[in-house]
Amino acid sequence: MTKIEMFHSWLNDAYAMEMTKNDLLKRYAKDFEDYPDIKMNIEKVSSKAVEKADRLKSIIENMGEKVSMMKSFTGKLTGMWQSATSELTHDQIVKHLLVMYSGANLGIASYLSLAAAAKELGRDEVANFANDSITETREFVQWLEDRIPEVTIEFLQKEHTNQ
């Protein structure tokens, strides 16, 4: 595989990641009815994922390539599995936050790699997009870091008031 073919593959990975993130976050948002500020932010990040996926699709197509439907399908299956596994537990609110946190950090790592590859290949537009995505995702990670402890404590207090 050539450098540019590998780069195209990574762009498709990023596209699939954003589509999966959107699907997963839309499902998770429904479970946060009792936490309207969290629900609103999850919905905002979900919308941003669609914007990023659209941008990645445009980048891929402008390079004369097509979006890989197989990677997109595989990503959606992974997202459904992640959603199902956390929804099977009584503490799904806490689990959702943990999955979002780990997924966001994976997204940062993916975009760090994509930015480096783009820079190496002289694709400054893609490097800038990846760096902007890193900044946005780091903000989401920080937001999650602020919410995870408080939601965990609130969950324990609500669910285990008699213990």
N, C-alpha and C. Protein backbone atom coordinates (compact mmCIF):
# COMPACT_ATOMS: atom_id res chain seq x y z
N MET A 1 0.85 -1.17 0.00
CA MET A 1 0.00 0.00 0.00
C MET A 1 0.90 1.24 0.00
N THR A 2 0.58 2.20 -0.85
CA THR A 2 1.37 3.43 -0.91
C THR A 2 1.00 4.36 0.24
N LYS A 3 1.81 5.39 0.43
CA LYS A 3 1.51 6.37 1.49
C LYS A 3 0.14 7.00 1.28
N ILE A 4 -0.15 7.38 0.06
CA ILE A 4 -1.41 8.06 -0.22
C ILE A 4 -2.60 7.10 -0.04
N GLU A 5 -2.42 5.83 -0.41
CA GLU A 5 -3.49 4.85 -0.19
C GLU A 5 -3.75 4.66 1.31
N MET A 6 -2.68 4.63 2.08
CA MET A 6 -2.82 4.50 3.53
C MET A 6 -3.55 5.73 4.08
N PHE A 7 -3.17 6.89 3.58
CA PHE A 7 -3.81 8.14 4.00
C PHE A 7 -5.31 8.12 3.68
N HIS A 8 -5.66 7.67 2.49
CA HIS A 8 -7.08 7.56 2.11
C HIS A 8 -7.81 6.61 3.06
N SER A 9 -7.16 5.52 3.40
CA SER A 9 -7.75 4.56 4.33
C SER A 9 -8.01 5.21 5.69
N TRP A 10 -7.05 6.00 6.16
CA TRP A 10 -7.21 6.67 7.45
C TRP A 10 -8.31 7.73 7.41
N LEU A 11 -8.43 8.40 6.28
CA LEU A 11 -9.54 9.36 6.13
C LEU A 11 -10.87 8.63 6.22
N ASN A 12 -10.96 7.47 5.60
CA ASN A 12 -12.18 6.67 5.68
C ASN A 12 -12.42 6.18 7.11
N ASP A 13 -11.35 5.84 7.82
CA ASP A 13 -11.50 5.47 9.23
C ASP A 13 -12.10 6.62 10.03
N ALA A 14 -11.60 7.82 9.79
CA ALA A 14 -12.10 9.00 10.51
C ALA A 14 -13.56 9.25 10.16
N TYR A 15 -13.91 9.08 8.89
CA TYR A 15 -15.30 9.24 8.47
C TYR A 15 -16.19 8.24 9.21
N ALA A 16 -15.79 6.98 9.22
CA ALA A 16 -16.57 5.94 9.91
C ALA A 16 -16.67 6.24 11.40
N MET A 17 -15.58 6.73 11.99
CA MET A 17 -15.58 7.07 13.41
C MET A 17 -16.61 8.16 13.71
N GLU A 18 -16.67 9.19 12.88
CA GLU A 18 -17.62 10.29 13.10
C GLU A 18 -19.06 9.83 12.90
N MET A 19 -19.30 9.00 11.91
CA MET A 19 -20.66 8.48 11.70
C MET A 19 -21.09 7.61 12.88
N THR A 20 -20.18 6.78 13.36
CA THR A 20 -20.47 5.93 14.51
C THR A 20 -20.73 6.77 15.75
N LYS A 21 -19.89 7.80 15.93
CA LYS A 21 -20.06 8.69 17.09
C LYS A 21 -21.45 9.33 17.06
N ASN A 22 -21.87 9.80 15.90
CA ASN A 22 -23.19 10.42 15.78
C ASN A 22 -24.28 9.44 16.18
N ASP A 23 -24.24 8.24 15.64
CA ASP A 23 -25.26 7.24 15.95
C ASP A 23 -25.29 6.92 17.44
N LEU A 24 -24.12 6.72 18.01
CA LEU A 24 -24.01 6.36 19.42
C LEU A 24 -24.51 7.49 20.32
N LEU A 25 -24.08 8.71 20.03
CA LEU A 25 -24.48 9.84 20.88
C LEU A 25 -25.97 10.13 20.79
N LYS A 26 -26.56 9.94 19.63
CA LYS A 26 -28.01 10.13 19.51
C LYS A 26 -28.75 9.15 20.42
N ARG A 27 -28.27 7.91 20.47
CA ARG A 27 -28.91 6.92 21.35
C ARG A 27 -28.67 7.27 22.82
N TYR A 28 -27.45 7.67 23.14
CA TYR A 28 -27.13 8.01 24.53
C TYR A 28 -27.93 9.22 25.02
N ALA A 29 -28.09 10.21 24.17
CA ALA A 29 -28.77 11.44 24.58
C ALA A 29 -30.17 11.15 25.13
N LYS A 30 -30.83 10.16 24.57
CA LYS A 30 -32.18 9.80 25.02
C LYS A 30 -32.20 9.37 26.49
N ASP A 31 -31.09 8.83 26.97
CA ASP A 31 -31.04 8.34 28.35
C ASP A 31 -30.73 9.44 29.37
N PHE A 32 -30.47 10.64 28.89
CA PHE A 32 -30.09 11.73 29.80
C PHE A 32 -31.22 12.75 30.00
N GLU A 33 -32.46 12.28 29.96
CA GLU A 33 -33.61 13.17 30.16
C GLU A 33 -33.54 13.88 31.51
N ASP A 34 -33.03 13.20 32.52
CA ASP A 34 -32.93 13.80 33.86
C ASP A 34 -31.74 14.74 34.01
N TYR A 35 -30.95 14.85 32.97
CA TYR A 35 -29.75 15.70 32.97
C TYR A 35 -29.77 16.57 31.71
N PRO A 36 -30.65 17.58 31.67
CA PRO A 36 -30.85 18.35 30.44
C PRO A 36 -29.59 19.03 29.90
N ASP A 37 -28.71 19.50 30.78
CA ASP A 37 -27.49 20.15 30.30
C ASP A 37 -26.56 19.14 29.63
N ILE A 38 -26.50 17.94 30.18
CA ILE A 38 -25.67 16.89 29.59
C ILE A 38 -26.28 16.45 28.26
N LYS A 39 -27.59 16.25 28.26
CA LYS A 39 -28.28 15.84 27.02
C LYS A 39 -28.03 16.86 25.91
N MET A 40 -28.15 18.14 26.24
CA MET A 40 -27.96 19.19 25.24
C MET A 40 -26.54 19.17 24.67
N ASN A 41 -25.55 18.97 25.53
CA ASN A 41 -24.18 18.95 25.05
C ASN A 41 -23.90 17.71 24.21
N ILE A 42 -24.45 16.58 24.60
CA ILE A 42 -24.28 15.36 23.81
C ILE A 42 -24.89 15.55 22.43
N GLU A 43 -26.06 16.16 22.36
CA GLU A 43 -26.70 16.43 21.07
C GLU A 43 -25.87 17.38 20.22
N LYS A 44 -25.25 18.36 20.87
CA LYS A 44 -24.38 19.30 20.15
C LYS A 44 -23.17 18.57 19.56
N VAL A 45 -22.55 17.71 20.35
CA VAL A 45 -21.39 16.95 19.87
C VAL A 45 -21.81 15.98 18.76
N SER A 46 -23.00 15.42 18.88
CA SER A 46 -23.52 14.54 17.83
C SER A 46 -23.67 15.30 16.52
N SER A 47 -24.21 16.51 16.59
CA SER A 47 -24.36 17.34 15.38
C SER A 47 -23.00 17.68 14.78
N LYS A 48 -22.03 17.97 15.65
CA LYS A 48 -20.67 18.27 15.18
C LYS A 48 -20.07 17.06 14.47
N ALA A 49 -20.39 15.86 14.95
CA ALA A 49 -19.88 14.64 14.32
C ALA A 49 -20.40 14.52 12.89
N VAL A 50 -21.66 14.89 12.67
CA VAL A 50 -22.22 14.87 11.32
C VAL A 50 -21.49 15.88 10.44
N GLU A 51 -21.24 17.07 10.98
CA GLU A 51 -20.50 18.09 10.22
C GLU A 51 -19.10 17.60 9.86
N LYS A 52 -18.44 16.96 10.81
CA LYS A 52 -17.09 16.44 10.55
C LYS A 52 -17.14 15.32 9.50
N ALA A 53 -18.13 14.45 9.61
CA ALA A 53 -18.26 13.37 8.63
C ALA A 53 -18.50 13.94 7.23
N ASP A 54 -19.35 14.95 7.13
CA ASP A 54 -19.60 15.60 5.84
C ASP A 54 -18.32 16.21 5.29
N ARG A 55 -17.55 16.85 6.16
CA ARG A 55 -16.29 17.47 5.74
C ARG A 55 -15.30 16.40 5.27
N LEU A 56 -15.22 15.31 6.01
CA LEU A 56 -14.32 14.21 5.62
C LEU A 56 -14.75 13.59 4.29
N LYS A 57 -16.04 13.43 4.11
CA LYS A 57 -16.54 12.89 2.84
C LYS A 57 -16.13 13.80 1.69
N SER A 58 -16.27 15.10 1.89
CA SER A 58 -15.87 16.07 0.87
C SER A 58 -14.37 15.98 0.58
N ILE A 59 -13.57 15.88 1.62
CA ILE A 59 -12.11 15.76 1.45
C ILE A 59 -11.79 14.50 0.65
N ILE A 60 -12.40 13.39 1.03
CA ILE A 60 -12.15 12.12 0.35
C ILE A 60 -12.54 12.21 -1.12
N GLU A 61 -13.72 12.75 -1.39
CA GLU A 61 -14.19 12.86 -2.77
C GLU A 61 -13.36 13.85 -3.59
N ASN A 62 -12.90 14.93 -2.96
CA ASN A 62 -12.05 15.90 -3.66
C ASN A 62 -10.69 15.31 -4.02
N MET A 63 -10.31 14.23 -3.36
CA MET A 63 -9.06 13.54 -3.68
C MET A 63 -9.30 12.45 -4.74
N GLY A 64 -10.53 12.41 -5.27
CA GLY A 64 -10.86 11.43 -6.30
C GLY A 64 -11.17 10.04 -5.77
N GLU A 65 -11.44 9.95 -4.49
CA GLU A 65 -11.74 8.66 -3.85
C GLU A 65 -13.21 8.62 -3.46
N LYS A 66 -13.63 7.46 -3.00
CA LYS A 66 -15.00 7.28 -2.52
C LYS A 66 -14.95 6.88 -1.05
N VAL A 67 -16.01 7.24 -0.34
CA VAL A 67 -16.13 6.84 1.06
C VAL A 67 -16.34 5.33 1.09
N SER A 68 -15.62 4.67 1.97
CA SER A 68 -15.72 3.22 2.10
C SER A 68 -16.99 2.87 2.87
N MET A 69 -17.93 2.26 2.19
CA MET A 69 -19.18 1.87 2.84
C MET A 69 -18.95 0.72 3.83
N MET A 70 -17.96 -0.13 3.55
CA MET A 70 -17.67 -1.24 4.46
C MET A 70 -17.17 -0.72 5.80
N LYS A 71 -16.26 0.25 5.75
CA LYS A 71 -15.77 0.82 7.01
C LYS A 71 -16.89 1.52 7.75
N SER A 72 -17.74 2.20 7.02
CA SER A 72 -18.87 2.89 7.64
C SER A 72 -19.81 1.88 8.30
N PHE A 73 -20.10 0.79 7.60
CA PHE A 73 -20.98 -0.24 8.13
C PHE A 73 -20.36 -0.90 9.36
N THR A 74 -19.07 -1.22 9.28
CA THR A 74 -18.38 -1.84 10.41
C THR A 74 -18.38 -0.91 11.61
N GLY A 75 -18.16 0.37 11.36
CA GLY A 75 -18.19 1.35 12.45
C GLY A 75 -19.55 1.43 13.10
N LYS A 76 -20.60 1.37 12.30
CA LYS A 76 -21.96 1.43 12.86
C LYS A 76 -22.25 0.19 13.70
N LEU A 77 -21.77 -0.97 13.26
CA LEU A 77 -21.96 -2.19 14.05
C LEU A 77 -21.25 -2.08 15.39
N THR A 78 -20.04 -1.54 15.37
CA THR A 78 -19.29 -1.34 16.60
C THR A 78 -20.04 -0.40 17.53
N GLY A 79 -20.56 0.67 16.99
CA GLY A 79 -21.33 1.63 17.79
C GLY A 79 -22.57 1.00 18.40
N MET A 80 -23.25 0.17 17.63
CA MET A 80 -24.44 -0.49 18.17
C MET A 80 -24.06 -1.44 19.30
N TRP A 81 -22.93 -2.15 19.14
CA TRP A 81 -22.47 -3.05 20.19
C TRP A 81 -22.14 -2.27 21.46
N GLN A 82 -21.40 -1.16 21.31
CA GLN A 82 -21.05 -0.35 22.48
C GLN A 82 -22.31 0.17 23.17
N SER A 83 -23.25 0.59 22.38
CA SER A 83 -24.49 1.11 22.95
C SER A 83 -25.25 0.01 23.68
N ALA A 84 -25.35 -1.14 23.06
CA ALA A 84 -26.10 -2.24 23.66
C ALA A 84 -25.46 -2.71 24.95
N THR A 85 -24.15 -2.79 25.00
CA THR A 85 -23.49 -3.29 26.21
C THR A 85 -23.68 -2.35 27.38
N SER A 86 -23.67 -1.06 27.15
CA SER A 86 -23.87 -0.14 28.28
C SER A 86 -25.34 0.00 28.63
N GLU A 87 -26.23 -0.24 27.68
CA GLU A 87 -27.66 -0.11 27.95
C GLU A 87 -28.22 -1.32 28.70
N LEU A 88 -27.45 -2.38 28.80
CA LEU A 88 -27.91 -3.57 29.50
C LEU A 88 -27.69 -3.48 31.00
N THR A 89 -27.11 -2.40 31.46
CA THR A 89 -26.80 -2.27 32.87
C THR A 89 -27.70 -1.24 33.53
N HIS A 90 -27.91 -1.38 34.83
CA HIS A 90 -28.75 -0.41 35.55
C HIS A 90 -28.03 0.92 35.74
N ASP A 91 -26.72 0.90 35.61
CA ASP A 91 -25.94 2.13 35.76
C ASP A 91 -25.52 2.70 34.40
N GLN A 92 -26.43 2.59 33.44
CA GLN A 92 -26.10 2.98 32.07
C GLN A 92 -25.68 4.44 31.92
N ILE A 93 -26.20 5.33 32.74
CA ILE A 93 -25.83 6.74 32.64
C ILE A 93 -24.33 6.90 32.89
N VAL A 94 -23.85 6.27 33.93
CA VAL A 94 -22.41 6.34 34.25
C VAL A 94 -21.62 5.65 33.14
N LYS A 95 -22.07 4.49 32.70
CA LYS A 95 -21.36 3.74 31.65
C LYS A 95 -21.31 4.54 30.35
N HIS A 96 -22.41 5.21 30.01
CA HIS A 96 -22.42 6.04 28.80
C HIS A 96 -21.32 7.10 28.87
N LEU A 97 -21.21 7.75 30.01
CA LEU A 97 -20.17 8.78 30.16
C LEU A 97 -18.78 8.19 29.99
N LEU A 98 -18.56 7.00 30.53
CA LEU A 98 -17.26 6.35 30.41
C LEU A 98 -16.95 5.97 28.96
N VAL A 99 -17.95 5.45 28.25
CA VAL A 99 -17.75 5.10 26.84
C VAL A 99 -17.48 6.36 26.02
N MET A 100 -18.22 7.44 26.30
CA MET A 100 -17.98 8.69 25.58
C MET A 100 -16.57 9.21 25.84
N TYR A 101 -16.12 9.11 27.08
CA TYR A 101 -14.79 9.59 27.44
C TYR A 101 -13.71 8.78 26.72
N SER A 102 -13.83 7.47 26.74
CA SER A 102 -12.82 6.66 26.06
C SER A 102 -12.88 6.87 24.55
N GLY A 103 -14.08 6.97 24.00
CA GLY A 103 -14.22 7.21 22.57
C GLY A 103 -13.65 8.55 22.14
N ALA A 104 -13.85 9.57 22.95
CA ALA A 104 -13.31 10.90 22.63
C ALA A 104 -11.79 10.88 22.64
N ASN A 105 -11.20 10.17 23.59
CA ASN A 105 -9.75 10.08 23.63
C ASN A 105 -9.19 9.29 22.45
N LEU A 106 -9.91 8.26 22.02
CA LEU A 106 -9.52 7.55 20.81
C LEU A 106 -9.60 8.49 19.60
N GLY A 107 -10.64 9.32 19.58
CA GLY A 107 -10.77 10.29 18.49
C GLY A 107 -9.60 11.26 18.45
N ILE A 108 -9.16 11.72 19.61
CA ILE A 108 -8.00 12.62 19.66
C ILE A 108 -6.78 11.92 19.08
N ALA A 109 -6.54 10.69 19.51
CA ALA A 109 -5.38 9.94 19.01
C ALA A 109 -5.47 9.74 17.50
N SER A 110 -6.66 9.44 17.00
CA SER A 110 -6.85 9.23 15.56
C SER A 110 -6.56 10.50 14.78
N TYR A 111 -7.06 11.63 15.28
CA TYR A 111 -6.82 12.89 14.58
C TYR A 111 -5.37 13.36 14.72
N LEU A 112 -4.69 13.02 15.81
CA LEU A 112 -3.26 13.33 15.92
C LEU A 112 -2.49 12.61 14.82
N SER A 113 -2.81 11.34 14.62
CA SER A 113 -2.16 10.55 13.58
C SER A 113 -2.50 11.09 12.19
N LEU A 114 -3.77 11.39 11.97
CA LEU A 114 -4.20 11.92 10.68
C LEU A 114 -3.54 13.26 10.38
N ALA A 115 -3.43 14.12 11.37
CA ALA A 115 -2.77 15.42 11.18
C ALA A 115 -1.30 15.24 10.80
N ALA A 116 -0.63 14.31 11.46
CA ALA A 116 0.79 14.06 11.15
C ALA A 116 0.93 13.53 9.73
N ALA A 117 0.07 12.60 9.34
CA ALA A 117 0.13 12.05 7.98
C ALA A 117 -0.17 13.13 6.95
N ALA A 118 -1.17 13.95 7.23
CA ALA A 118 -1.53 15.02 6.29
C ALA A 118 -0.38 15.99 6.11
N LYS A 119 0.25 16.34 7.21
CA LYS A 119 1.39 17.27 7.13
C LYS A 119 2.53 16.64 6.33
N GLU A 120 2.81 15.39 6.58
CA GLU A 120 3.87 14.67 5.86
C GLU A 120 3.60 14.63 4.36
N LEU A 121 2.33 14.52 3.99
CA LEU A 121 1.95 14.43 2.58
C LEU A 121 1.62 15.78 1.95
N GLY A 122 1.82 16.86 2.70
CA GLY A 122 1.56 18.19 2.16
C GLY A 122 0.09 18.52 2.01
N ARG A 123 -0.74 17.90 2.80
CA ARG A 123 -2.19 18.15 2.76
C ARG A 123 -2.56 19.04 3.94
N ASP A 124 -2.18 20.31 3.82
CA ASP A 124 -2.36 21.25 4.93
C ASP A 124 -3.82 21.43 5.32
N GLU A 125 -4.71 21.40 4.35
CA GLU A 125 -6.14 21.56 4.63
C GLU A 125 -6.63 20.44 5.56
N VAL A 126 -6.18 19.23 5.30
CA VAL A 126 -6.58 18.09 6.12
C VAL A 126 -5.93 18.19 7.50
N ALA A 127 -4.67 18.60 7.53
CA ALA A 127 -3.98 18.77 8.82
C ALA A 127 -4.70 19.81 9.67
N ASN A 128 -5.11 20.91 9.07
CA ASN A 128 -5.84 21.95 9.81
C ASN A 128 -7.18 21.43 10.32
N PHE A 129 -7.89 20.69 9.47
CA PHE A 129 -9.16 20.08 9.88
C PHE A 129 -8.94 19.14 11.07
N ALA A 130 -7.92 18.30 10.97
CA ALA A 130 -7.64 17.34 12.05
C ALA A 130 -7.27 18.08 13.34
N ASN A 131 -6.47 19.11 13.23
CA ASN A 131 -6.08 19.87 14.43
C ASN A 131 -7.28 20.59 15.06
N ASP A 132 -8.17 21.12 14.23
CA ASP A 132 -9.40 21.72 14.76
C ASP A 132 -10.26 20.67 15.47
N SER A 133 -10.31 19.48 14.89
CA SER A 133 -11.08 18.39 15.51
C SER A 133 -10.48 17.98 16.85
N ILE A 134 -9.16 17.99 16.93
CA ILE A 134 -8.48 17.67 18.20
C ILE A 134 -8.87 18.69 19.26
N THR A 135 -8.84 19.96 18.91
CA THR A 135 -9.19 21.02 19.86
C THR A 135 -10.63 20.85 20.35
N GLU A 136 -11.56 20.64 19.42
CA GLU A 136 -12.97 20.44 19.80
C GLU A 136 -13.15 19.23 20.70
N THR A 137 -12.48 18.16 20.36
CA THR A 137 -12.64 16.92 21.12
C THR A 137 -12.01 17.04 22.50
N ARG A 138 -10.90 17.74 22.60
CA ARG A 138 -10.30 17.97 23.92
C ARG A 138 -11.25 18.77 24.81
N GLU A 139 -11.98 19.70 24.24
CA GLU A 139 -12.97 20.45 25.02
C GLU A 139 -14.06 19.51 25.53
N PHE A 140 -14.48 18.57 24.70
CA PHE A 140 -15.50 17.60 25.11
C PHE A 140 -14.95 16.69 26.21
N VAL A 141 -13.70 16.26 26.07
CA VAL A 141 -13.07 15.43 27.10
C VAL A 141 -13.04 16.17 28.43
N GLN A 142 -12.65 17.44 28.40
CA GLN A 142 -12.60 18.22 29.63
C GLN A 142 -14.00 18.36 30.23
N TRP A 143 -14.97 18.59 29.38
CA TRP A 143 -16.36 18.70 29.84
C TRP A 143 -16.79 17.39 30.51
N LEU A 144 -16.44 16.25 29.88
CA LEU A 144 -16.77 14.95 30.46
C LEU A 144 -16.06 14.74 31.79
N GLU A 145 -14.79 15.14 31.86
CA GLU A 145 -14.04 15.00 33.12
C GLU A 145 -14.71 15.77 34.25
N ASP A 146 -15.31 16.89 33.92
CA ASP A 146 -16.02 17.68 34.93
C ASP A 146 -17.35 17.03 35.33
N ARG A 147 -17.98 16.31 34.41
CA ARG A 147 -19.30 15.74 34.66
C ARG A 147 -19.26 14.35 35.28
N ILE A 148 -18.29 13.53 34.90
CA ILE A 148 -18.27 12.14 35.35
C ILE A 148 -18.34 12.03 36.88
N PRO A 149 -17.50 12.75 37.63
CA PRO A 149 -17.59 12.60 39.10
C PRO A 149 -18.95 13.02 39.66
N GLU A 150 -19.47 14.15 39.20
CA GLU A 150 -20.74 14.63 39.77
C GLU A 150 -21.90 13.70 39.42
N VAL A 151 -21.93 13.18 38.19
CA VAL A 151 -23.01 12.26 37.81
C VAL A 151 -22.87 10.94 38.56
N THR A 152 -21.65 10.48 38.75
CA THR A 152 -21.41 9.24 39.50
C THR A 152 -21.93 9.37 40.92
N ILE A 153 -21.59 10.46 41.58
CA ILE A 153 -22.04 10.68 42.96
C ILE A 153 -23.55 10.82 43.01
N GLU A 154 -24.11 11.59 42.08
CA GLU A 154 -25.56 11.75 42.05
C GLU A 154 -26.26 10.42 41.82
N PHE A 155 -25.71 9.60 40.93
CA PHE A 155 -26.28 8.27 40.67
C PHE A 155 -26.26 7.43 41.94
N LEU A 156 -25.14 7.41 42.63
CA LEU A 156 -25.05 6.64 43.87
C LEU A 156 -26.06 7.12 44.90
N GLN A 157 -26.21 8.42 45.00
CA GLN A 157 -27.15 8.98 45.98
C GLN A 157 -28.60 8.64 45.63
N LYS A 158 -28.94 8.69 44.36
CA LYS A 158 -30.31 8.38 43.93
C LYS A 158 -30.62 6.89 44.05
N GLU A 159 -29.69 6.08 43.61
CA GLU A 159 -29.93 4.64 43.53
C GLU A 159 -29.74 3.91 44.85
N HIS A 160 -28.96 4.48 45.72
CA HIS A 160 -28.61 3.74 46.94
C HIS A 160 -28.86 4.58 48.19
N THR A 161 -29.99 5.22 48.25
CA THR A 161 -30.30 6.09 49.39
C THR A 161 -30.51 5.32 50.68
N ASN A 162 -30.87 4.06 50.60
CA ASN A 162 -31.14 3.28 51.81
C ASN A 162 -29.94 2.47 52.29
N GLN A 163 -28.81 2.65 51.67
CA GLN A 163 -27.65 1.83 52.06
C GLN A 163 -26.55 2.67 52.64
